[in-house]
Protein backbone atom coordinates (compact mmCIF):
# COMPACT_ATOMS: atom_id res chain seq x y z
CA THR A 1 -18.45 20.85 23.00
CA TYR A 2 -18.85 17.12 22.34
CA THR A 3 -22.35 15.71 21.87
CA LEU A 4 -23.30 12.04 21.74
CA SER A 5 -26.75 11.15 20.40
CA GLY A 6 -28.53 7.85 20.11
CA PRO A 7 -31.73 5.91 20.89
CA ALA A 8 -32.83 5.06 24.41
CA PRO A 9 -33.98 1.46 25.13
CA SER A 10 -37.50 2.68 24.37
CA GLY A 11 -36.37 3.95 21.01
CA ALA A 12 -36.74 7.62 21.89
CA PRO A 13 -33.84 9.86 20.86
CA ILE A 14 -31.53 11.01 23.66
CA SER A 15 -28.29 12.98 23.77
CA ALA A 16 -25.63 14.13 26.20
CA SER A 17 -23.04 16.90 25.91
CA VAL A 18 -19.82 17.85 27.61
CA THR A 19 -17.82 21.02 27.13
CA VAL A 20 -14.03 21.03 27.47
CA GLU A 21 -12.44 24.41 28.13
CA VAL A 22 -8.80 24.72 27.11
CA THR A 23 -6.71 27.55 28.46
CA PRO A 24 -4.17 28.63 25.84
CA ALA A 25 -0.51 28.72 26.88
CA GLU A 26 1.01 32.12 27.39
CA ALA A 27 3.34 31.54 24.47
CA PRO A 28 3.82 28.78 21.88
CA LEU A 29 6.77 26.41 22.07
CA ALA A 30 7.91 27.68 18.67
CA ARG A 31 7.06 30.05 15.86
CA LEU A 32 7.57 28.79 12.32
CA ARG A 33 7.45 30.76 9.10
CA ILE A 34 7.53 28.95 5.73
CA ALA A 35 8.92 30.83 2.75
CA ASP A 36 7.04 30.90 -0.53
CA GLN A 37 9.88 30.47 -3.03
CA PRO A 38 11.91 27.23 -3.20
CA ALA A 39 15.64 27.34 -2.55
CA GLY A 40 17.94 24.43 -3.29
CA ALA A 41 17.64 21.19 -5.18
CA ARG A 42 14.85 18.64 -5.06
CA ILE A 43 15.04 15.48 -2.98
CA ALA A 44 16.69 12.85 -5.13
CA PRO A 45 14.48 10.02 -6.48
CA GLY A 46 15.28 6.68 -4.87
CA PHE A 47 16.61 8.45 -1.77
CA LEU A 48 15.58 5.70 0.63
CA GLY A 49 17.84 2.65 0.69
CA LEU A 50 18.30 -0.56 2.65
CA VAL A 51 20.96 -3.23 3.09
CA LEU A 52 19.07 -6.53 3.08
CA GLN A 53 19.97 -10.18 3.37
CA THR A 54 19.00 -12.26 0.33
CA PRO A 55 18.15 -15.68 1.79
CA GLY A 56 15.65 -16.59 -0.90
CA PRO A 57 12.36 -15.44 -2.45
CA LEU A 58 10.88 -12.40 -0.77
CA ALA A 59 7.85 -13.12 1.44
CA ALA A 60 4.62 -11.41 0.39
CA ARG A 61 4.47 -9.41 3.63
CA GLU A 62 8.01 -8.04 3.27
CA GLY A 63 7.34 -7.23 -0.38
CA GLN A 64 4.29 -5.19 0.56
CA LEU A 65 6.26 -3.30 3.21
CA LEU A 66 8.78 -2.31 0.54
CA ARG A 67 5.99 -1.31 -1.86
CA ASN A 68 4.51 0.94 0.84
CA LEU A 69 7.76 2.93 0.94
CA GLN A 70 8.00 3.11 -2.82
CA ASN A 71 4.35 4.11 -3.29
CA TYR A 72 4.60 7.09 -0.95
CA GLY A 73 8.22 8.03 -1.76
CA GLY A 74 7.57 8.48 -5.44
CA GLY A 75 10.70 6.59 -6.51
CA PRO A 76 12.27 3.16 -6.35
CA LEU A 77 13.97 1.89 -3.17
CA SER A 78 17.71 1.42 -3.43
CA ILE A 79 18.51 -2.10 -2.19
CA ARG A 80 22.03 -3.30 -1.52
CA PRO A 81 22.47 -7.06 -0.99
CA ALA A 82 24.35 -7.65 2.27
CA ASP A 83 26.53 -10.24 0.55
CA GLY A 84 27.16 -8.01 -2.45
CA ARG A 85 25.73 -10.52 -4.90
CA ILE A 86 23.34 -8.98 -7.41
CA ALA A 87 22.12 -12.14 -9.19
CA PRO A 88 20.50 -13.76 -6.13
CA ALA A 89 18.97 -10.42 -5.19
CA ARG A 90 17.32 -10.13 -8.62
CA LYS A 91 15.62 -13.48 -7.98
CA MET A 92 14.62 -12.32 -4.51
CA PHE A 93 12.77 -9.25 -5.83
CA ALA A 94 11.55 -10.76 -9.06
CA GLY A 95 7.95 -10.82 -7.81
CA LEU A 96 7.74 -7.08 -7.14
CA PRO A 97 6.28 -4.70 -9.71
CA PRO A 98 8.88 -3.04 -11.98
CA GLY A 99 10.29 0.15 -10.48
CA THR A 100 9.79 -0.89 -6.83
CA VAL A 101 13.51 -1.40 -6.16
CA THR A 102 16.87 -0.76 -7.79
CA LEU A 103 19.86 -2.89 -6.86
CA GLU A 104 23.25 -1.38 -6.12
CA THR A 105 26.68 -2.72 -5.26
CA ALA A 106 28.56 -1.78 -2.11
CA ARG A 107 29.89 1.75 -1.75
CA ALA A 108 32.22 3.24 0.82
CA ALA A 109 30.52 5.04 3.69
CA ALA A 110 33.58 6.98 4.81
CA ASP A 111 32.75 9.89 2.45
CA CYS A 112 29.75 10.93 4.54
CA PRO A 113 30.09 12.87 7.80
CA GLY A 114 27.92 12.10 10.82
CA ALA A 115 24.51 13.74 11.00
CA GLU A 116 25.71 16.05 13.81
CA GLN A 117 28.39 17.48 11.47
CA LEU A 118 26.27 18.21 8.41
CA ALA A 119 25.63 21.85 9.30
CA ARG A 120 29.40 22.51 9.39
CA VAL A 121 30.55 20.78 6.19
CA PRO A 122 30.15 21.74 2.51
CA PRO A 123 27.44 20.11 0.34
CA PRO A 124 28.27 16.61 -0.94
CA PRO A 125 29.41 15.86 -4.49
CA PRO A 126 26.62 14.84 -6.86
CA GLY A 127 25.40 11.27 -6.54
CA LEU A 128 26.83 10.60 -3.08
CA ARG A 129 24.85 7.99 -1.10
CA CYS A 130 25.48 7.63 2.64
CA THR A 131 25.42 4.31 4.44
CA LEU A 132 24.40 4.51 8.08
CA ALA A 133 25.31 1.94 10.69
CA GLN A 134 22.63 -0.02 12.47
CA GLY A 135 22.27 2.50 15.24
CA THR A 136 19.36 4.63 14.03
CA ASP A 137 16.61 2.41 15.42
CA SER A 138 13.95 4.75 16.80
CA ALA A 139 11.15 6.07 14.60
CA ILE A 140 11.71 9.74 15.50
CA GLY A 141 15.48 9.39 15.23
CA THR A 142 15.15 7.85 11.76
CA VAL A 143 12.96 10.71 10.57
CA ASP A 144 15.42 13.30 11.87
CA THR A 145 18.43 11.57 10.31
CA LEU A 146 16.83 11.09 6.88
CA LEU A 147 15.66 14.73 6.76
CA GLN A 148 19.08 16.04 7.73
CA TYR A 149 20.88 14.07 5.04
CA ALA A 150 18.27 14.92 2.42
CA GLN A 151 18.53 18.64 3.12
CA TRP A 152 22.32 18.40 3.12
CA GLY A 153 22.06 17.22 -0.48
CA ALA A 154 22.87 13.52 -0.31
CA ALA A 155 21.59 11.47 -3.25
CA GLY A 156 20.35 8.86 -0.79
CA VAL A 157 20.69 7.16 2.56
CA THR A 158 21.11 3.40 2.89
CA LEU A 159 20.14 2.01 6.30
CA GLN A 160 21.70 -1.22 7.50
CA GLY A 161 19.54 -3.79 9.24
CA GLY A 162 16.14 -5.18 8.45
CA ILE A 163 12.74 -3.56 8.77
CA THR A 164 10.91 -6.51 10.33
CA ASP A 165 11.20 -8.46 13.57
CA ALA A 166 10.89 -12.03 12.34
CA ALA A 167 10.94 -13.46 15.87
CA ALA A 168 8.00 -11.44 17.15
CA THR A 169 4.50 -12.95 17.50
CA PRO A 170 2.32 -11.40 16.19
CA PRO A 171 4.62 -10.02 13.49
CA THR A 172 5.92 -6.47 13.90
CA VAL A 173 8.05 -4.08 11.94
CA ALA A 174 11.08 -2.27 13.30
CA PRO A 175 10.54 1.30 14.63
CA ARG A 176 12.80 2.64 11.88
CA TYR A 177 10.19 1.51 9.32
CA TYR A 178 7.70 4.07 10.70
CA GLY A 179 10.39 6.72 10.38
CA MET A 180 11.11 5.71 6.77
CA LEU A 181 7.41 5.75 5.90
CA PHE A 182 7.00 9.21 7.47
CA PHE A 183 9.93 10.44 5.36
CA ALA A 184 8.39 8.86 2.24
CA HIS A 185 5.18 10.79 2.91
CA PHE A 186 7.21 13.99 3.27
CA ALA A 187 9.43 13.47 0.23
CA GLY A 188 6.50 12.56 -2.03
CA ALA A 189 7.28 13.45 -5.62
CA GLN A 190 10.81 14.62 -4.74
CA GLY A 191 9.81 18.03 -3.46
CA GLN A 192 12.03 21.12 -3.69
CA TRP A 193 13.25 22.60 -0.42
CA LEU A 194 11.57 25.71 0.99
CA PRO A 195 13.42 27.91 3.48
CA VAL A 196 11.95 27.95 6.98
CA GLN A 197 12.45 30.34 9.88
CA LEU A 198 12.08 28.66 13.28
CA ASP A 199 12.16 30.62 16.52
CA SER A 200 12.17 28.45 19.63
CA SER A 201 14.07 27.77 22.81
CA ALA A 202 12.75 24.18 22.78
CA GLN A 203 14.28 21.21 20.95
CA ILE A 204 12.06 21.53 17.87
CA LYS A 205 13.13 21.11 14.24
CA ALA A 206 11.29 21.90 11.01
CA TRP A 207 11.69 21.26 7.26
CA ALA A 208 9.50 22.13 4.25
CA VAL A 209 9.31 21.13 0.59
CA ARG A 210 7.08 22.05 -2.35
CA ASP A 211 5.90 19.57 -4.96
CA THR A 212 6.62 21.50 -8.16
CA ARG A 213 3.90 19.62 -10.07
CA SER A 214 0.91 19.99 -7.73
CA GLN A 215 2.34 22.95 -5.72
CA THR A 216 1.48 21.02 -2.55
CA VAL A 217 3.66 22.01 0.40
CA ARG A 218 4.71 19.48 3.04
CA VAL A 219 6.11 20.53 6.38
CA ALA A 220 7.79 18.15 8.84
CA LEU A 221 8.20 19.07 12.51
CA ILE A 222 9.89 17.12 15.27
CA ASN A 223 9.59 17.86 18.98
CA HIS A 224 12.60 16.26 20.64
CA GLU A 225 11.53 17.41 24.10
CA ALA A 226 11.13 14.30 26.27
CA SER A 227 8.36 15.65 28.50
CA THR A 228 7.33 19.07 27.12
CA SER A 229 4.36 19.53 24.84
CA GLY A 230 2.77 22.66 23.49
CA THR A 231 1.80 24.49 20.32
CA VAL A 232 3.73 25.69 17.29
CA ALA A 233 2.46 28.83 15.60
CA VAL A 234 2.88 28.16 11.86
CA GLN A 235 2.78 31.05 9.41
CA LEU A 236 1.66 29.51 6.09
CA PRO A 237 2.91 30.64 2.66
CA PRO A 238 0.58 32.92 0.68
CA GLY A 239 -2.35 31.05 -0.87
CA MET A 240 -2.36 28.33 1.79
CA ARG A 241 -5.24 28.29 4.30
CA GLU A 242 -5.62 24.70 5.47
CA ALA A 243 -3.38 21.84 6.62
CA VAL A 244 -3.93 18.11 7.00
CA VAL A 245 -1.84 16.79 9.89
CA THR A 246 -0.33 13.30 9.98
CA ARG A 247 1.21 12.36 13.31
CA LEU A 248 3.97 9.97 14.43
CA ALA A 249 4.24 9.43 18.17
CA SER A 250 6.91 7.55 20.12
CA THR A 251 4.45 5.71 22.37
CA ASP A 252 3.97 1.94 22.15
CA PRO A 253 2.50 0.66 19.90
CA LEU A 254 3.88 2.99 17.29
CA ARG A 255 1.32 4.56 15.01
CA LEU A 256 1.57 6.70 11.89
CA ALA A 257 -1.66 8.52 10.95
CA GLY A 258 -3.42 6.34 13.54
CA GLN A 259 -2.31 3.09 11.93
CA THR A 260 0.09 0.43 13.13
CA PHE A 261 1.90 -2.48 11.48
CA ASP A 262 1.87 -4.55 14.66
CA GLY A 263 -0.10 -7.66 13.91
CA SER A 264 -0.20 -7.03 10.15
CA ARG A 265 0.32 -10.30 8.28
CA ASP A 266 0.16 -8.86 4.76
CA GLY A 267 2.37 -5.77 5.14
CA ARG A 268 -0.57 -3.38 5.08
CA PRO A 269 -1.30 -1.06 8.03
CA VAL A 270 -3.86 -2.03 10.65
CA GLY A 271 -6.50 0.51 11.65
CA THR A 272 -8.21 3.46 10.02
CA ALA A 273 -5.98 6.22 8.69
CA TYR A 274 -6.86 9.71 9.88
CA GLY A 275 -5.56 13.21 9.56
CA GLU A 276 -6.50 16.35 11.49
CA ILE A 277 -7.64 19.37 9.54
CA LEU A 278 -6.38 22.74 10.77
CA GLU A 279 -7.49 26.08 9.35
CA ALA A 280 -5.44 29.26 9.42
CA ASP A 281 -6.73 32.49 10.87
CA GLY A 282 -7.20 35.69 8.92
CA ASP A 283 -3.44 36.34 9.06
CA GLY A 284 -2.56 32.97 7.55
CA GLN A 285 -1.38 31.46 10.85
CA LEU A 286 -2.45 28.20 12.43
CA GLN A 287 -1.75 26.60 15.78
CA LEU A 288 -0.30 23.07 15.71
CA ALA A 289 -0.35 21.02 18.90
CA MET A 290 2.84 19.02 19.37
CA GLY A 291 3.11 16.22 21.89
CA ALA A 292 6.35 15.45 23.67
CA HIS A 293 8.84 13.45 21.57
CA SER A 294 6.67 13.32 18.49
CA ALA A 295 6.64 14.26 14.83
CA ALA A 296 3.98 15.87 12.67
CA LEU A 297 3.61 16.20 8.91
CA LEU A 298 1.52 19.08 7.52
CA THR A 299 0.22 18.80 3.99
CA LEU A 300 -0.83 22.14 2.52
CA THR A 301 -2.77 22.38 -0.73
CA PRO A 302 -3.26 25.65 -2.64
CA GLN A 303 -6.80 27.00 -2.31
């Protein structure tokens, strides 16, 4: 029931209410169970990487966009100059706070299989970074790709192509930037992987990590269904009762946690950030609504 209250023209208080009745679906789109004990290594620090042109000093807006990724991701961004020259790149990033970026020279990309092959190949050797061609352009696709390579065990992923659309008015950022920022939220302080059990006939994927310092659990879900929405029944680990939900939709304009970078002239998001709060039932299960072709990040904090 939604109630709106306020003063009438006379100053007297008035209110109006409307009740929305929702009929639950016969069955959820998916059932997800998150294990309590970590399994596998942590996400490598500095996992996110970019190949960038180095035309001159970095604009303040672009510098803030890079800091956003570093602030949430808990580690420096790995930047590879497109021309391979380190000295000009140092000058380009000289105005950023120390630890925002690390510079690397070119590495071969042939050592990394495609994302569709990762489930069928052995884990990578330590320290292997994968360079992806400029084909992962959608926000949801970027999230999926980064999560797959991170769980496979890659030390990092370097994306080719910029994160801004310099020709757009007002200024915009590329869709992949939203996907990178979503991943940075998920990776946090290089969380350690938690096993998940997902039962679904729909195109839904799920990943989970635990921050070993704060014991916070983050769960990423992607609904790849183009036109099917529904709920996911999430069985929380013991000791978890509440989740804060951050959403990434594929609609235009793109928004992460209700904020957009369209029109931002300083690299900071436009709009008020919000997160939904979901509470588990007595059995430790909560119901997460998933829109078609969308992603959701659940942040669980021990009670």
